[in-house]
Protein backbone atom coordinates (compact mmCIF):
# COMPACT_ATOMS: atom_id res chain seq x y z
CA MET A 1 99.22 94.92 69.14
CA ARG A 2 95.58 95.56 70.01
CA ILE A 3 94.56 94.81 73.59
CA LEU A 4 91.08 94.91 75.08
CA ILE A 5 90.21 95.07 78.77
CA ILE A 6 86.61 94.09 79.43
CA ASP A 7 85.29 95.99 82.41
CA ASN A 8 82.97 93.94 84.60
CA TYR A 9 81.74 97.08 86.34
CA ASP A 10 84.67 97.09 88.75
CA SER A 11 86.49 99.94 90.48
CA PHE A 12 89.89 98.29 89.86
CA THR A 13 89.57 98.12 86.07
CA TYR A 14 91.33 101.40 85.38
CA ASN A 15 94.19 100.51 87.72
CA LEU A 16 94.66 97.47 85.50
CA TYR A 17 94.40 99.72 82.45
CA GLN A 18 97.09 102.04 83.85
CA LEU A 19 99.52 99.20 84.48
CA ALA A 20 98.92 97.61 81.09
CA GLY A 21 99.25 100.99 79.39
CA ASP A 22 102.57 101.69 81.07
CA LEU A 23 103.93 98.30 80.02
CA LEU A 24 102.74 98.67 76.45
CA GLN A 25 104.18 102.18 76.21
CA GLN A 26 107.58 100.83 77.25
CA HIS A 27 107.63 97.85 74.91
CA ASP A 28 105.19 98.46 72.04
CA ARG A 29 104.65 102.08 71.05
CA GLU A 30 102.28 101.08 68.24
CA HIS A 31 99.81 99.45 70.61
CA VAL A 32 96.09 100.03 71.03
CA LEU A 33 94.60 99.55 74.51
CA ASP A 34 90.84 99.84 74.87
CA VAL A 35 88.37 99.39 77.72
CA TYR A 36 84.73 98.46 77.17
CA ARG A 37 82.16 97.34 79.68
CA ASN A 38 80.90 93.81 79.23
CA ASP A 39 77.63 95.00 77.68
CA GLU A 40 79.15 97.61 75.35
CA ILE A 41 80.93 95.40 72.81
CA SER A 42 80.02 92.24 70.93
CA TYR A 43 81.80 88.93 70.53
CA SER A 44 82.24 89.52 66.79
CA GLU A 45 83.74 92.97 67.34
CA ILE A 46 86.22 91.56 69.83
CA THR A 47 87.34 88.65 67.67
CA LYS A 48 87.78 90.90 64.63
CA LYS A 49 89.61 93.80 66.28
CA TYR A 50 91.79 92.52 69.14
CA ASP A 51 94.86 90.36 69.59
CA LYS A 52 94.49 89.72 73.34
CA VAL A 53 91.78 90.22 75.93
CA ILE A 54 91.85 90.77 79.70
CA LEU A 55 88.71 89.92 81.68
CA SER A 56 88.62 92.33 84.61
CA PRO A 57 87.68 91.74 88.24
CA GLY A 58 84.10 92.47 89.24
CA PRO A 59 81.64 92.35 92.13
CA GLY A 60 79.33 89.68 90.69
CA ASN A 61 79.24 85.96 90.02
CA PRO A 62 80.27 84.61 86.60
CA ALA A 63 77.33 82.21 86.68
CA ASP A 64 75.08 85.24 86.17
CA LYS A 65 75.31 85.56 82.39
CA ALA A 66 73.23 88.73 82.36
CA TYR A 67 75.88 90.34 84.56
CA PHE A 68 78.98 88.70 83.03
CA GLY A 69 77.94 89.75 79.53
CA VAL A 70 80.27 89.19 76.61
CA CYS A 71 82.85 87.58 78.92
CA ALA A 72 80.54 84.56 79.11
CA THR A 73 80.36 84.39 75.30
CA LEU A 74 84.14 84.58 74.95
CA LEU A 75 84.50 81.62 77.29
CA GLU A 76 81.68 79.64 75.72
CA LYS A 77 83.23 80.13 72.28
CA PRO A 78 86.98 80.41 72.92
CA ARG A 79 89.40 80.90 70.04
CA GLN A 80 92.90 79.51 69.65
CA ASP A 81 94.04 82.81 68.14
CA LEU A 82 92.72 85.03 70.95
CA PRO A 83 94.65 84.75 74.24
CA LEU A 84 92.59 85.56 77.34
CA LEU A 85 93.70 86.51 80.84
CA GLY A 86 91.08 86.42 83.58
CA VAL A 87 91.73 88.47 86.71
CA CYS A 88 89.84 87.61 89.93
CA LEU A 89 86.23 87.34 88.67
CA GLY A 90 87.74 86.70 85.24
CA MET A 91 89.52 83.61 86.53
CA GLN A 92 86.37 82.37 88.21
CA GLY A 93 84.61 82.77 84.88
CA ILE A 94 87.20 80.61 83.14
CA ALA A 95 86.68 77.84 85.67
CA TYR A 96 82.88 78.10 85.52
CA TYR A 97 82.44 78.16 81.75
CA PHE A 98 84.77 75.21 81.25
CA GLY A 99 82.72 73.14 83.69
CA GLY A 100 83.94 73.98 87.19
CA LYS A 101 82.13 75.44 90.16
CA VAL A 102 82.56 78.76 91.92
CA ILE A 103 81.80 78.66 95.64
CA ARG A 104 81.91 80.97 98.63
CA ALA A 105 85.34 81.17 100.23
CA PRO A 106 85.75 80.04 103.85
CA TYR A 107 86.91 83.56 104.67
CA PRO A 108 86.43 86.73 102.58
CA MET A 109 89.76 88.11 101.41
CA HIS A 110 89.26 91.80 100.71
CA GLY A 111 92.40 93.90 100.88
CA LYS A 112 94.48 91.06 102.31
CA THR A 113 97.75 89.61 101.09
CA SER A 114 98.81 85.98 100.80
CA ALA A 115 101.95 84.11 99.85
CA VAL A 116 101.38 82.14 96.66
CA TRP A 117 103.27 79.17 95.26
CA HIS A 118 103.21 78.66 91.50
CA ASN A 119 104.63 76.49 88.73
CA GLY A 120 106.76 79.16 87.05
CA GLN A 121 104.86 78.99 83.76
CA GLY A 122 102.67 81.42 81.83
CA VAL A 123 102.18 84.66 83.76
CA PHE A 124 104.39 83.24 86.52
CA ARG A 125 107.49 82.94 84.32
CA ASN A 126 110.51 84.42 86.15
CA ILE A 127 108.40 85.26 89.23
CA ALA A 128 109.75 84.76 92.77
CA LEU A 129 108.62 81.72 94.72
CA PRO A 130 106.61 82.25 96.82
CA VAL A 131 105.23 85.60 95.74
CA GLU A 132 103.10 87.93 97.86
CA VAL A 133 99.83 88.96 96.23
CA MET A 134 96.85 91.17 97.04
CA ARG A 135 93.41 89.57 97.16
CA TYR A 136 89.92 91.05 96.92
CA HIS A 137 87.38 88.25 96.72
CA SER A 138 84.81 86.23 98.62
CA LEU A 139 84.31 83.54 95.95
CA ILE A 140 86.82 80.85 94.97
CA VAL A 141 87.13 78.08 92.41
CA ASP A 142 86.12 74.70 93.81
CA GLU A 143 89.06 72.42 93.12
CA GLU A 144 87.03 69.22 93.32
CA SER A 145 84.97 70.39 90.35
CA LEU A 146 87.87 71.61 88.22
CA PRO A 147 87.57 70.07 84.73
CA GLU A 148 90.33 68.00 83.17
CA SER A 149 90.90 70.72 80.57
CA LEU A 150 92.22 73.13 83.24
CA GLU A 151 95.31 72.85 85.40
CA VAL A 152 96.16 74.62 88.63
CA THR A 153 99.14 76.95 88.22
CA ALA A 154 99.17 78.63 91.64
CA ARG A 155 97.78 78.17 95.13
CA THR A 156 98.11 79.52 98.65
CA ALA A 157 99.57 76.33 100.15
CA ASN A 158 103.11 75.13 99.53
CA PRO A 159 103.02 71.98 97.36
CA GLN A 160 105.71 69.33 97.59
CA PRO A 161 108.01 69.58 95.76
CA CYS A 162 107.76 73.34 95.37
CA GLY A 163 107.54 74.38 91.74
CA ALA A 164 106.31 71.01 90.51
CA ALA A 165 102.92 70.57 88.88
CA LEU A 166 100.40 71.82 91.42
CA LYS A 167 98.18 68.76 91.41
CA LYS A 168 95.58 67.81 93.96
CA THR A 169 97.15 66.56 97.16
CA THR A 170 96.07 63.63 99.25
CA ALA A 171 93.18 63.76 101.71
CA GLY A 172 93.97 65.70 104.86
CA GLN A 173 96.62 67.91 103.32
CA ASP A 174 96.06 71.65 103.09
CA ARG A 175 96.00 72.44 99.40
CA GLY A 176 95.20 76.07 100.01
CA GLU A 177 92.98 78.01 97.63
CA ILE A 178 93.50 78.13 93.89
CA MET A 179 95.22 81.34 92.82
CA GLY A 180 95.93 80.47 89.20
CA ILE A 181 94.58 78.21 86.45
CA ARG A 182 95.46 77.60 82.84
CA HIS A 183 93.79 75.79 79.96
CA LYS A 184 95.88 72.85 78.77
CA LYS A 185 95.33 73.47 75.06
CA MET A 186 93.93 76.98 74.63
CA PRO A 187 95.77 80.29 75.32
CA ILE A 188 93.59 80.98 78.36
CA GLU A 189 94.91 81.73 81.83
CA GLY A 190 93.48 83.12 85.05
CA ILE A 191 94.72 84.55 88.34
CA GLN A 192 92.57 85.04 91.41
CA PHE A 193 94.52 87.99 92.83
CA HIS A 194 95.11 91.55 91.60
CA PRO A 195 98.38 92.08 89.69
CA GLU A 196 97.73 95.82 89.44
CA SER A 197 97.83 96.28 93.22
CA PHE A 198 100.91 97.91 94.75
CA ALA A 199 100.90 95.09 97.30
CA THR A 200 101.31 92.37 94.67
CA GLN A 201 104.98 91.64 94.17
CA GLU A 202 106.03 91.56 90.50
CA GLY A 203 102.50 92.20 89.29
CA GLY A 204 103.87 94.19 86.38
CA THR A 205 106.05 91.28 85.31
CA MET A 206 103.07 88.94 85.44
CA LEU A 207 101.03 91.21 83.20
CA LYS A 208 104.02 91.71 80.91
CA ASN A 209 104.31 87.94 80.57
CA PHE A 210 100.75 87.79 79.30
CA LEU A 211 101.02 90.79 77.01
CA PHE A 212 104.27 89.79 75.33
CA THR A 213 104.61 86.01 75.61
CA ALA A 214 101.10 84.51 75.74
């Protein structure tokens, strides 16, 4: 298996690389795991060489194509045979390039943990409910703008019933902030938090779910 992590000029990228490398070493000794910055590799190179791609966190805004680089191209021209996992900025990019909006969060969440409720699918398969995660972001996905092609898989407020489809709730209810999204037809998933952080419970299992079941 050939895995690529696209580095969006972020200090956490190599923590993600370390976790992914450890998991691959345990379960797939023939793996290749590469890291390239988002302006160091082309779309055609990626689609020819890699089986799965992780879009790293980053300090910018995905709407800035000059900054987001080849990540923008991958999301503008997604492929059914190339699973993508977006982490933090990467998730925001998924929402943005499929037609959603990325807005400033009510409160910056840098180095803070939150309890997250999820639907138990995709990266959240066999993950505790709720699960504590580490967040480093000041932008969020605007739920009102979320396109029909994407579904919410995790959020910071407890939906009713817990574990059911995390649909929009009625006016006045606290829906929390979106912590996970997934494309309904393409193998594309995103999480707003950092699975590589020591403070994220079962982060390794989440990444393993993407690497070996997506």
